[in-house]
Structures are given as structure tokens and as C-alpha cells.
């Protein structure tokens, strides 16, 4: 390989000689340093979302009551109620879907595309559940990969229903499910 700065950098013979010398050398062991590290790196494989495995089997209870106030009236009330679901159940997301599959409101950490898909599939799951039960299903809890999806139907009026979805790290207890159902039923009457 030439030392001429204007020379070609495509000296294959020289590159082969350097590569041969580098592969013949044994790596020198590095001495451990007593200097503190500037950061700690954790393996992404060990990172888990959701509740710890032991806690995932215990149903979640609400950590706070529904914050009813005049601010809960009208359209902004949906966002406040969804925020309450996220805070009270440590949820990743909460959303409301109308009968056509359109998202009425959503809050949380999940991307909107994922909420749209979960909402549409939740409606289909309720339609399928109606075929299994003569009276139809009013709620369901679905275990997902590392989270749980609570689905509830709430009467908007005599003919229309809304579907509420709450994505949580643990299943929601029957009493907590009832609390969510009552809160959204009350809000739906104000819709």
C-alpha cells in the first residue's frame, strides 16, 4: 500500500495483508477498572411491559372514585372520564367506540392506529359473543400478550350502544368493572 495521499485506496493486496495481521493477533484481556460507569445498560430482552407476573393474576380495583363535577358534562367529559380510567386502573389506554366502529374518544399510551384496530375488533368480538349467548354479552375481558382488555357495552339510548375499552396490565375485578360500567352509563345519558 502506498503512502501517497493521492494514491488509490483500492489496494487489495495491502488490505489483505492488514486483515491477515489483525486476524492472527489474539485479543488482549482488558483489566477491570475501578472507575464508576457513566451509565447502566439493560438488555431489551429482559424488559417487560405490564404488571409483574405474580400481580397479573390479581384483579385490579379502582384506586380513586369517579371525579363527578360540572366539567364532566358535554364532550370534554368523555376525556375526563377516560383519564379517570387510566389513573384509577393504571391503564395503558381507554377508549369509547360507537356502533359503527368510530372512536368517540381515546386516551393513553397506545398509538391511535392501534386503538382504532382494537376498537373495531372489540365490536366484532361482541358480535360473535352475541351468537353464543341468547341475551347477548354486556362485558368481556380478553387477555392480550402482556395486557388485558376490558370491553363493556353501554346503552346510549333505546337503540344505540357505545363500547368502552380499557387496556390494563391486570384484569379488572367484577366490582371495578361495575364501577366503570356505571360511570360510562351515567356519562352516556348526558351525551
N, C-alpha and C. Protein backbone atom coordinates (compact mmCIF):
# COMPACT_ATOMS: atom_id res chain seq x y z
N UNK A 1 0.84 -1.17 0.00
CA UNK A 1 0.00 0.00 0.00
C UNK A 1 0.89 1.23 0.00
N UNK A 2 0.58 2.17 -0.80
CA UNK A 2 1.39 3.37 -0.96
C UNK A 2 1.03 4.40 0.10
N UNK A 3 2.00 5.19 0.51
CA UNK A 3 1.76 6.29 1.46
C UNK A 3 1.39 7.57 0.74
N UNK A 4 1.29 7.52 -0.55
CA UNK A 4 0.94 8.69 -1.34
C UNK A 4 -0.52 9.06 -1.09
N UNK A 5 -0.82 10.29 -0.55
CA UNK A 5 -2.20 10.66 -0.26
C UNK A 5 -3.07 10.73 -1.50
N UNK A 6 -2.43 10.88 -2.69
CA UNK A 6 -3.21 10.94 -3.93
C UNK A 6 -3.41 9.56 -4.53
N UNK A 7 -2.86 8.56 -3.91
CA UNK A 7 -2.93 7.22 -4.46
C UNK A 7 -4.30 6.60 -4.28
N UNK A 8 -4.46 5.46 -4.91
CA UNK A 8 -5.74 4.74 -4.87
C UNK A 8 -5.95 4.11 -3.50
N UNK A 9 -7.16 4.14 -3.03
CA UNK A 9 -7.50 3.49 -1.77
C UNK A 9 -7.97 2.06 -2.00
N UNK A 10 -7.84 1.58 -3.22
CA UNK A 10 -8.31 0.24 -3.55
C UNK A 10 -7.15 -0.74 -3.71
N UNK A 11 -6.19 -0.69 -2.81
CA UNK A 11 -5.05 -1.60 -2.84
C UNK A 11 -5.46 -2.88 -2.14
N UNK A 12 -5.97 -3.84 -2.89
CA UNK A 12 -6.48 -5.07 -2.31
C UNK A 12 -5.38 -5.90 -1.67
N UNK A 13 -4.20 -5.89 -2.23
CA UNK A 13 -3.09 -6.64 -1.65
C UNK A 13 -2.72 -6.09 -0.28
N UNK A 14 -2.65 -4.78 -0.18
CA UNK A 14 -2.32 -4.14 1.11
C UNK A 14 -3.42 -4.36 2.13
N UNK A 15 -4.66 -4.28 1.69
CA UNK A 15 -5.79 -4.50 2.60
C UNK A 15 -5.79 -5.93 3.10
N UNK A 16 -5.47 -6.89 2.21
CA UNK A 16 -5.41 -8.29 2.61
C UNK A 16 -4.31 -8.54 3.63
N UNK A 17 -3.15 -7.88 3.45
CA UNK A 17 -2.04 -8.04 4.40
C UNK A 17 -2.42 -7.50 5.78
N UNK A 18 -3.07 -6.36 5.81
CA UNK A 18 -3.50 -5.79 7.09
C UNK A 18 -4.53 -6.70 7.75
N UNK A 19 -5.48 -7.19 6.98
CA UNK A 19 -6.51 -8.08 7.53
C UNK A 19 -5.88 -9.35 8.07
N UNK A 20 -4.87 -9.88 7.38
CA UNK A 20 -4.18 -11.08 7.86
C UNK A 20 -3.48 -10.85 9.18
N UNK A 21 -2.83 -9.70 9.34
CA UNK A 21 -2.14 -9.39 10.60
C UNK A 21 -3.14 -9.22 11.74
N UNK A 22 -4.27 -8.61 11.45
CA UNK A 22 -5.27 -8.37 12.50
C UNK A 22 -5.92 -9.66 12.97
N UNK A 23 -6.16 -10.60 12.08
CA UNK A 23 -6.82 -11.84 12.49
C UNK A 23 -5.89 -12.78 13.22
N UNK A 24 -4.57 -12.62 13.06
CA UNK A 24 -3.62 -13.50 13.74
C UNK A 24 -3.38 -13.09 15.18
N UNK A 25 -3.66 -11.86 15.50
CA UNK A 25 -3.43 -11.37 16.87
C UNK A 25 -4.52 -11.88 17.80
N UNK A 26 -4.10 -12.33 18.96
CA UNK A 26 -5.07 -12.71 19.99
C UNK A 26 -5.47 -11.45 20.73
N UNK A 27 -6.74 -11.31 21.04
CA UNK A 27 -7.16 -10.11 21.77
C UNK A 27 -6.55 -10.10 23.17
N UNK A 28 -6.11 -8.92 23.58
CA UNK A 28 -5.54 -8.77 24.92
C UNK A 28 -6.67 -8.62 25.93
N UNK A 29 -6.59 -9.35 27.04
CA UNK A 29 -7.63 -9.18 28.06
C UNK A 29 -7.56 -7.79 28.65
N UNK A 30 -8.73 -7.21 28.89
CA UNK A 30 -8.80 -5.87 29.46
C UNK A 30 -8.92 -5.97 30.96
N UNK A 31 -8.14 -5.16 31.64
CA UNK A 31 -8.19 -5.14 33.10
C UNK A 31 -9.46 -4.42 33.54
N UNK A 32 -10.07 -4.93 34.58
CA UNK A 32 -11.27 -4.29 35.12
C UNK A 32 -10.89 -2.95 35.71
N UNK A 33 -11.75 -1.99 35.50
CA UNK A 33 -11.50 -0.65 36.00
C UNK A 33 -12.30 -0.41 37.27
N UNK A 34 -11.70 0.31 38.18
CA UNK A 34 -12.42 0.69 39.41
C UNK A 34 -13.21 1.97 39.21
N UNK A 35 -13.11 2.56 38.04
CA UNK A 35 -13.84 3.79 37.74
C UNK A 35 -15.33 3.48 37.61
N UNK A 36 -16.19 4.31 38.18
CA UNK A 36 -17.63 4.07 38.03
C UNK A 36 -18.06 4.30 36.58
N UNK A 37 -18.97 3.49 36.15
CA UNK A 37 -19.50 3.59 34.80
C UNK A 37 -20.45 4.78 34.72
N UNK A 38 -20.48 5.43 33.57
CA UNK A 38 -21.35 6.59 33.39
C UNK A 38 -22.81 6.21 33.23
N UNK A 39 -23.09 4.98 32.87
CA UNK A 39 -24.47 4.55 32.68
C UNK A 39 -24.55 3.04 32.83
N UNK A 40 -25.76 2.56 32.97
CA UNK A 40 -26.00 1.12 33.07
C UNK A 40 -26.88 0.74 31.89
N UNK A 41 -26.54 -0.33 31.22
CA UNK A 41 -27.32 -0.78 30.08
C UNK A 41 -28.04 -2.07 30.46
N UNK A 42 -29.34 -2.10 30.23
CA UNK A 42 -30.13 -3.29 30.48
C UNK A 42 -30.49 -3.93 29.15
N UNK A 43 -30.53 -5.22 29.13
CA UNK A 43 -30.89 -5.94 27.92
C UNK A 43 -32.36 -5.71 27.61
N UNK A 44 -32.65 -5.43 26.36
CA UNK A 44 -34.04 -5.21 25.94
C UNK A 44 -34.86 -6.49 26.08
N UNK A 45 -34.19 -7.65 25.99
CA UNK A 45 -34.89 -8.93 26.12
C UNK A 45 -35.52 -9.09 27.50
N UNK A 46 -34.95 -8.45 28.51
CA UNK A 46 -35.44 -8.62 29.87
C UNK A 46 -36.48 -7.57 30.24
N UNK A 47 -36.69 -6.59 29.37
CA UNK A 47 -37.66 -5.53 29.63
C UNK A 47 -39.06 -6.07 29.40
N UNK A 48 -39.93 -5.95 30.39
CA UNK A 48 -41.31 -6.44 30.29
C UNK A 48 -42.27 -5.28 30.52
N UNK A 49 -43.32 -5.26 29.74
CA UNK A 49 -44.37 -4.27 29.93
C UNK A 49 -45.46 -4.91 30.78
N UNK A 50 -46.29 -4.10 31.37
CA UNK A 50 -47.41 -4.61 32.15
C UNK A 50 -47.01 -4.92 33.58
N UNK A 51 -47.94 -5.51 34.29
CA UNK A 51 -47.73 -5.82 35.71
C UNK A 51 -46.80 -7.02 35.86
N UNK A 52 -46.12 -7.13 37.00
CA UNK A 52 -45.32 -8.32 37.25
C UNK A 52 -46.19 -9.57 37.18
N UNK A 53 -45.59 -10.69 36.81
CA UNK A 53 -46.35 -11.92 36.59
C UNK A 53 -47.19 -12.29 37.80
N UNK A 54 -46.63 -12.19 39.02
CA UNK A 54 -47.39 -12.56 40.22
C UNK A 54 -48.61 -11.67 40.40
N UNK A 55 -48.46 -10.38 40.11
CA UNK A 55 -49.56 -9.44 40.31
C UNK A 55 -50.57 -9.51 39.17
N UNK A 56 -50.17 -10.02 38.01
CA UNK A 56 -51.07 -10.04 36.86
C UNK A 56 -52.29 -10.92 37.08
N UNK A 57 -52.20 -11.88 38.00
CA UNK A 57 -53.35 -12.75 38.23
C UNK A 57 -54.35 -12.16 39.22
N UNK A 58 -53.97 -11.11 39.93
CA UNK A 58 -54.86 -10.48 40.90
C UNK A 58 -55.66 -9.37 40.22
N UNK A 59 -56.99 -9.42 40.28
CA UNK A 59 -57.80 -8.39 39.62
C UNK A 59 -57.55 -7.00 40.22
N UNK A 60 -57.57 -6.01 39.35
CA UNK A 60 -57.34 -4.63 39.77
C UNK A 60 -58.62 -4.02 40.32
N UNK A 61 -58.47 -3.20 41.32
CA UNK A 61 -59.56 -2.40 41.89
C UNK A 61 -59.27 -0.94 41.57
N UNK A 62 -60.30 -0.11 41.57
CA UNK A 62 -60.11 1.31 41.32
C UNK A 62 -59.34 1.93 42.47
N UNK A 63 -58.39 2.79 42.14
CA UNK A 63 -57.61 3.46 43.17
C UNK A 63 -58.20 4.80 43.56
N UNK A 64 -59.20 5.26 42.80
CA UNK A 64 -59.85 6.54 43.11
C UNK A 64 -61.27 6.54 42.58
N UNK A 65 -62.17 7.30 43.23
CA UNK A 65 -63.56 7.36 42.77
C UNK A 65 -63.69 8.21 41.50
N UNK A 66 -64.82 8.08 40.83
CA UNK A 66 -65.08 8.88 39.63
C UNK A 66 -65.20 10.34 40.06
N UNK A 67 -64.48 11.25 39.42
CA UNK A 67 -64.50 12.66 39.82
C UNK A 67 -65.66 13.43 39.19
N UNK A 68 -66.89 13.13 39.61
CA UNK A 68 -68.04 13.81 39.01
C UNK A 68 -68.02 15.28 39.37
N UNK A 69 -68.23 16.11 38.35
CA UNK A 69 -68.28 17.56 38.52
C UNK A 69 -68.99 18.15 37.31
N UNK A 70 -69.32 19.44 37.34
CA UNK A 70 -69.93 20.05 36.16
C UNK A 70 -69.05 19.94 34.91
N UNK A 71 -67.74 19.79 35.09
CA UNK A 71 -66.83 19.66 33.95
C UNK A 71 -67.04 18.35 33.20
N UNK A 72 -67.75 17.40 33.81
CA UNK A 72 -67.98 16.11 33.17
C UNK A 72 -69.09 16.19 32.13
N UNK A 73 -69.81 17.29 32.07
CA UNK A 73 -70.90 17.44 31.10
C UNK A 73 -70.32 17.71 29.71
N UNK A 74 -71.06 17.33 28.69
CA UNK A 74 -70.67 17.62 27.31
C UNK A 74 -69.49 16.80 26.83
N UNK A 75 -68.98 17.18 25.68
CA UNK A 75 -67.88 16.44 25.04
C UNK A 75 -66.61 16.37 25.87
N UNK A 76 -66.19 17.45 26.56
CA UNK A 76 -64.96 17.35 27.36
C UNK A 76 -65.06 16.31 28.48
N UNK A 77 -66.27 15.97 28.87
CA UNK A 77 -66.45 14.99 29.94
C UNK A 77 -65.96 13.60 29.55
N UNK A 78 -66.03 13.27 28.24
CA UNK A 78 -65.52 11.96 27.79
C UNK A 78 -64.03 11.84 28.09
N UNK A 79 -63.29 12.89 27.76
CA UNK A 79 -61.84 12.87 28.01
C UNK A 79 -61.54 12.75 29.50
N UNK A 80 -62.30 13.46 30.32
CA UNK A 80 -62.09 13.39 31.77
C UNK A 80 -62.40 11.99 32.31
N UNK A 81 -63.44 11.37 31.78
CA UNK A 81 -63.80 10.02 32.22
C UNK A 81 -62.75 9.00 31.76
N UNK A 82 -62.26 9.15 30.55
CA UNK A 82 -61.20 8.25 30.06
C UNK A 82 -59.91 8.45 30.86
N UNK A 83 -59.60 9.70 31.19
CA UNK A 83 -58.42 9.96 32.04
C UNK A 83 -58.58 9.30 33.41
N UNK A 84 -59.80 9.35 33.96
CA UNK A 84 -60.05 8.69 35.24
C UNK A 84 -59.77 7.19 35.13
N UNK A 85 -60.22 6.56 34.05
CA UNK A 85 -59.97 5.12 33.85
C UNK A 85 -58.47 4.83 33.86
N UNK A 86 -57.72 5.65 33.17
CA UNK A 86 -56.27 5.43 33.10
C UNK A 86 -55.65 5.58 34.48
N UNK A 87 -56.04 6.61 35.21
CA UNK A 87 -55.48 6.84 36.55
C UNK A 87 -55.95 5.79 37.55
N UNK A 88 -57.23 5.48 37.56
CA UNK A 88 -57.80 4.59 38.57
C UNK A 88 -57.36 3.14 38.40
N UNK A 89 -57.09 2.72 37.17
CA UNK A 89 -56.76 1.31 36.91
C UNK A 89 -55.35 1.13 36.36
N UNK A 90 -54.54 2.18 36.40
CA UNK A 90 -53.18 2.14 35.88
C UNK A 90 -53.19 1.61 34.45
N UNK A 91 -54.17 2.08 33.68
CA UNK A 91 -54.39 1.57 32.32
C UNK A 91 -53.41 2.16 31.33
N UNK A 92 -53.13 1.39 30.29
CA UNK A 92 -52.31 1.87 29.18
C UNK A 92 -53.13 2.72 28.23
N UNK A 93 -54.42 2.43 28.13
CA UNK A 93 -55.31 3.18 27.24
C UNK A 93 -56.75 2.94 27.64
N UNK A 94 -57.60 3.89 27.28
CA UNK A 94 -59.05 3.77 27.46
C UNK A 94 -59.69 4.47 26.26
N UNK A 95 -60.78 3.90 25.75
CA UNK A 95 -61.41 4.47 24.57
C UNK A 95 -62.89 4.13 24.54
N UNK A 96 -63.63 4.88 23.73
CA UNK A 96 -65.07 4.66 23.52
C UNK A 96 -65.29 4.56 22.01
N UNK A 97 -66.05 3.54 21.59
CA UNK A 97 -66.33 3.30 20.18
C UNK A 97 -67.84 3.34 19.98
N UNK A 98 -68.30 3.98 18.90
CA UNK A 98 -69.74 3.97 18.62
C UNK A 98 -70.11 2.69 17.86
N UNK A 99 -71.38 2.54 17.53
CA UNK A 99 -71.88 1.31 16.91
C UNK A 99 -71.31 1.08 15.51
N UNK A 100 -70.82 2.13 14.85
CA UNK A 100 -70.24 1.98 13.52
C UNK A 100 -68.75 1.67 13.56
N UNK A 101 -68.18 1.64 14.77
CA UNK A 101 -66.75 1.36 14.91
C UNK A 101 -65.88 2.59 14.91
N UNK A 102 -66.49 3.77 15.01
CA UNK A 102 -65.71 5.01 15.04
C UNK A 102 -65.36 5.36 16.48
N UNK A 103 -64.15 5.81 16.69
CA UNK A 103 -63.69 6.17 18.03
C UNK A 103 -64.32 7.50 18.44
N UNK A 104 -65.06 7.48 19.55
CA UNK A 104 -65.67 8.69 20.10
C UNK A 104 -64.61 9.48 20.86
N UNK A 105 -63.77 8.78 21.60
CA UNK A 105 -62.70 9.40 22.36
C UNK A 105 -61.70 8.35 22.80
N UNK A 106 -60.46 8.77 22.97
CA UNK A 106 -59.43 7.84 23.44
C UNK A 106 -58.36 8.61 24.20
N UNK A 107 -57.74 7.92 25.13
CA UNK A 107 -56.65 8.47 25.93
C UNK A 107 -55.65 7.36 26.19
N UNK A 108 -54.43 7.73 26.46
CA UNK A 108 -53.45 6.75 26.88
C UNK A 108 -52.20 6.70 26.02
N UNK A 109 -51.44 5.63 26.23
CA UNK A 109 -50.13 5.49 25.62
C UNK A 109 -50.13 4.80 24.26
N UNK A 110 -51.20 4.13 23.91
CA UNK A 110 -51.22 3.39 22.65
C UNK A 110 -51.41 4.33 21.46
N UNK A 111 -50.76 4.03 20.34
CA UNK A 111 -50.96 4.86 19.14
C UNK A 111 -52.41 4.79 18.66
N UNK A 112 -52.86 5.85 18.03
CA UNK A 112 -54.25 5.92 17.57
C UNK A 112 -54.61 4.78 16.62
N UNK A 113 -53.67 4.39 15.76
CA UNK A 113 -53.95 3.29 14.83
C UNK A 113 -54.25 2.00 15.59
N UNK A 114 -53.52 1.76 16.67
CA UNK A 114 -53.74 0.54 17.46
C UNK A 114 -55.08 0.60 18.18
N UNK A 115 -55.44 1.78 18.69
CA UNK A 115 -56.74 1.93 19.35
C UNK A 115 -57.87 1.72 18.34
N UNK A 116 -57.72 2.26 17.13
CA UNK A 116 -58.73 2.05 16.09
C UNK A 116 -58.91 0.56 15.81
N UNK A 117 -57.80 -0.15 15.70
CA UNK A 117 -57.88 -1.59 15.41
C UNK A 117 -58.48 -2.37 16.57
N UNK A 118 -58.04 -2.08 17.79
CA UNK A 118 -58.58 -2.78 18.96
C UNK A 118 -60.08 -2.50 19.08
N UNK A 119 -60.48 -1.24 18.87
CA UNK A 119 -61.90 -0.89 18.96
C UNK A 119 -62.74 -1.64 17.95
N UNK A 120 -62.28 -1.72 16.71
CA UNK A 120 -63.03 -2.43 15.67
C UNK A 120 -63.11 -3.92 15.99
N UNK A 121 -62.01 -4.49 16.44
CA UNK A 121 -62.00 -5.92 16.77
C UNK A 121 -62.84 -6.22 18.02
N UNK A 122 -62.90 -5.26 18.94
CA UNK A 122 -63.74 -5.44 20.13
C UNK A 122 -65.21 -5.50 19.73
N UNK A 123 -65.62 -4.66 18.79
CA UNK A 123 -67.00 -4.71 18.30
C UNK A 123 -67.30 -6.07 17.66
N UNK A 124 -66.36 -6.57 16.88
CA UNK A 124 -66.54 -7.89 16.25
C UNK A 124 -66.62 -8.98 17.31
N UNK A 125 -65.79 -8.87 18.35
CA UNK A 125 -65.82 -9.87 19.44
C UNK A 125 -67.19 -9.87 20.12
N UNK A 126 -67.77 -8.69 20.34
CA UNK A 126 -69.11 -8.63 20.95
C UNK A 126 -70.15 -9.24 20.01
N UNK A 127 -70.04 -8.98 18.71
CA UNK A 127 -70.98 -9.58 17.76
C UNK A 127 -70.89 -11.10 17.80
N UNK A 128 -69.68 -11.63 17.87
CA UNK A 128 -69.50 -13.08 17.96
C UNK A 128 -70.04 -13.62 19.29
N UNK A 129 -69.80 -12.89 20.37
CA UNK A 129 -70.29 -13.33 21.68
C UNK A 129 -71.81 -13.35 21.72
N UNK A 130 -72.46 -12.46 20.99
CA UNK A 130 -73.93 -12.45 20.93
C UNK A 130 -74.47 -13.75 20.37
N UNK A 131 -73.72 -14.41 19.50
CA UNK A 131 -74.15 -15.69 18.92
C UNK A 131 -74.03 -16.82 19.94
N UNK A 132 -73.22 -16.63 20.97
CA UNK A 132 -73.02 -17.67 21.98
C UNK A 132 -73.98 -17.55 23.15
N UNK A 133 -74.57 -16.37 23.32
CA UNK A 133 -75.43 -16.11 24.46
C UNK A 133 -76.74 -15.52 23.97
N UNK A 134 -77.89 -16.12 24.33
CA UNK A 134 -79.17 -15.63 23.82
C UNK A 134 -79.44 -14.17 24.18
N UNK A 135 -79.04 -13.73 25.36
CA UNK A 135 -79.28 -12.36 25.78
C UNK A 135 -78.19 -11.39 25.35
N UNK A 136 -77.13 -11.90 24.76
CA UNK A 136 -76.01 -11.05 24.36
C UNK A 136 -75.08 -10.78 25.53
N UNK A 137 -73.89 -10.42 25.22
CA UNK A 137 -72.88 -10.12 26.24
C UNK A 137 -72.82 -8.62 26.48
N UNK A 138 -72.64 -8.26 27.73
CA UNK A 138 -72.51 -6.85 28.08
C UNK A 138 -71.08 -6.46 28.41
N UNK A 139 -70.26 -7.46 28.75
CA UNK A 139 -68.85 -7.18 29.03
C UNK A 139 -68.01 -8.40 28.72
N UNK A 140 -66.74 -8.15 28.50
CA UNK A 140 -65.78 -9.24 28.30
C UNK A 140 -64.40 -8.76 28.71
N UNK A 141 -63.58 -9.71 29.09
CA UNK A 141 -62.21 -9.44 29.46
C UNK A 141 -61.33 -10.36 28.63
N UNK A 142 -60.41 -9.78 27.89
CA UNK A 142 -59.57 -10.54 26.97
C UNK A 142 -58.11 -10.39 27.38
N UNK A 143 -57.45 -11.52 27.58
CA UNK A 143 -56.02 -11.48 27.89
C UNK A 143 -55.27 -11.31 26.58
N UNK A 144 -54.48 -10.25 26.50
CA UNK A 144 -53.66 -10.00 25.32
C UNK A 144 -52.24 -10.47 25.63
N UNK A 145 -51.27 -10.09 24.84
CA UNK A 145 -49.90 -10.55 25.02
C UNK A 145 -49.39 -10.26 26.43
N UNK A 146 -49.37 -8.99 26.83
CA UNK A 146 -48.89 -8.63 28.17
C UNK A 146 -49.87 -7.72 28.90
N UNK A 147 -51.06 -7.57 28.36
CA UNK A 147 -52.07 -6.71 28.96
C UNK A 147 -53.43 -7.40 28.89
N UNK A 148 -54.40 -6.75 29.51
CA UNK A 148 -55.79 -7.22 29.47
C UNK A 148 -56.64 -6.13 28.83
N UNK A 149 -57.65 -6.55 28.10
CA UNK A 149 -58.61 -5.62 27.50
C UNK A 149 -59.97 -5.87 28.13
N UNK A 150 -60.50 -4.85 28.79
CA UNK A 150 -61.86 -4.91 29.31
C UNK A 150 -62.74 -4.25 28.27
N UNK A 151 -63.79 -4.94 27.86
CA UNK A 151 -64.76 -4.38 26.93
C UNK A 151 -66.12 -4.34 27.60
N UNK A 152 -66.80 -3.20 27.49
CA UNK A 152 -68.13 -3.01 28.09
C UNK A 152 -69.06 -2.40 27.06
N UNK A 153 -70.31 -2.80 27.11
CA UNK A 153 -71.33 -2.15 26.31
C UNK A 153 -72.14 -1.24 27.22
N UNK A 154 -72.40 -0.04 26.73
CA UNK A 154 -73.15 0.95 27.50
C UNK A 154 -74.27 1.47 26.61
N UNK A 155 -75.49 1.49 27.14
CA UNK A 155 -76.64 1.98 26.37
C UNK A 155 -76.56 3.49 26.22
N UNK A 156 -76.60 3.95 24.98
CA UNK A 156 -76.62 5.39 24.70
C UNK A 156 -78.06 5.88 24.70
N UNK A 157 -78.94 5.08 24.13
CA UNK A 157 -80.39 5.34 24.14
C UNK A 157 -81.08 4.00 23.93
N UNK A 158 -82.34 4.01 23.54
CA UNK A 158 -83.11 2.76 23.39
C UNK A 158 -82.53 1.82 22.32
N UNK A 159 -81.91 2.39 21.29
CA UNK A 159 -81.46 1.56 20.18
C UNK A 159 -79.94 1.52 19.99
N UNK A 160 -79.23 2.49 20.51
CA UNK A 160 -77.79 2.56 20.28
C UNK A 160 -76.98 2.26 21.53
N UNK A 161 -75.83 1.65 21.29
CA UNK A 161 -74.91 1.36 22.39
C UNK A 161 -73.52 1.87 22.04
N UNK A 162 -72.79 2.21 23.07
CA UNK A 162 -71.38 2.54 22.93
C UNK A 162 -70.58 1.37 23.51
N UNK A 163 -69.38 1.19 23.02
CA UNK A 163 -68.50 0.16 23.55
C UNK A 163 -67.30 0.85 24.17
N UNK A 164 -67.02 0.50 25.40
CA UNK A 164 -65.89 1.07 26.15
C UNK A 164 -64.79 0.02 26.20
N UNK A 165 -63.56 0.43 25.94
CA UNK A 165 -62.41 -0.46 26.05
C UNK A 165 -61.39 0.13 27.00
N UNK A 166 -60.85 -0.70 27.88
CA UNK A 166 -59.81 -0.26 28.81
C UNK A 166 -58.69 -1.30 28.75
N UNK A 167 -57.48 -0.88 28.38
CA UNK A 167 -56.32 -1.77 28.29
C UNK A 167 -55.50 -1.60 29.56
N UNK A 168 -55.40 -2.68 30.35
CA UNK A 168 -54.74 -2.62 31.66
C UNK A 168 -53.69 -3.72 31.79
N UNK A 169 -52.75 -3.54 32.73
CA UNK A 169 -51.75 -4.60 32.94
C UNK A 169 -52.32 -5.81 33.67
N UNK A 170 -53.47 -5.66 34.33
CA UNK A 170 -54.10 -6.77 35.06
C UNK A 170 -55.58 -6.79 34.72
N UNK A 171 -56.23 -7.93 34.93
CA UNK A 171 -57.68 -7.95 34.73
C UNK A 171 -58.36 -7.05 35.76
N UNK A 172 -59.53 -6.55 35.43
CA UNK A 172 -60.28 -5.69 36.34
C UNK A 172 -61.30 -6.54 37.07
N UNK A 173 -61.42 -6.34 38.38
CA UNK A 173 -62.35 -7.12 39.20
C UNK A 173 -63.80 -6.85 38.78
N UNK A 174 -64.70 -7.71 39.21
CA UNK A 174 -66.13 -7.55 38.89
C UNK A 174 -66.67 -6.25 39.46
N UNK A 175 -66.28 -5.90 40.69
CA UNK A 175 -66.75 -4.65 41.30
C UNK A 175 -66.21 -3.44 40.54
N UNK A 176 -64.96 -3.51 40.13
CA UNK A 176 -64.37 -2.41 39.38
C UNK A 176 -65.02 -2.29 37.99
N UNK A 177 -65.30 -3.43 37.36
CA UNK A 177 -65.99 -3.43 36.07
C UNK A 177 -67.34 -2.74 36.20
N UNK A 178 -68.06 -3.05 37.28
CA UNK A 178 -69.36 -2.44 37.53
C UNK A 178 -69.22 -0.92 37.69
N UNK A 179 -68.16 -0.50 38.39
CA UNK A 179 -67.93 0.93 38.58
C UNK A 179 -67.69 1.63 37.24
N UNK A 180 -66.89 1.02 36.36
CA UNK A 180 -66.64 1.59 35.03
C UNK A 180 -67.94 1.64 34.23
N UNK A 181 -68.71 0.56 34.29
CA UNK A 181 -69.98 0.50 33.57
C UNK A 181 -70.93 1.60 34.04
N UNK A 182 -71.07 1.76 35.35
CA UNK A 182 -71.97 2.79 35.88
C UNK A 182 -71.50 4.19 35.50
N UNK A 183 -70.19 4.43 35.54
CA UNK A 183 -69.67 5.76 35.20
C UNK A 183 -69.96 6.09 33.73
N UNK A 184 -69.71 5.15 32.83
CA UNK A 184 -69.95 5.42 31.41
C UNK A 184 -71.43 5.43 31.07
N UNK A 185 -72.25 4.67 31.79
CA UNK A 185 -73.70 4.73 31.57
C UNK A 185 -74.22 6.11 31.96
N UNK A 186 -73.74 6.61 33.09
CA UNK A 186 -74.16 7.95 33.53
C UNK A 186 -73.71 9.00 32.52
N UNK A 187 -72.49 8.88 32.03
CA UNK A 187 -71.98 9.84 31.05
C UNK A 187 -72.75 9.74 29.74
N UNK A 188 -73.11 8.52 29.32
CA UNK A 188 -73.84 8.33 28.06
C UNK A 188 -75.21 9.00 28.11
N UNK A 189 -75.82 9.05 29.28
CA UNK A 189 -77.12 9.73 29.41
C UNK A 189 -76.97 11.23 29.17
N UNK A 190 -75.80 11.77 29.46
CA UNK A 190 -75.54 13.20 29.26
C UNK A 190 -75.09 13.51 27.84
N UNK A 191 -74.84 12.48 27.04
CA UNK A 191 -74.28 12.62 25.70
C UNK A 191 -75.23 13.42 24.85
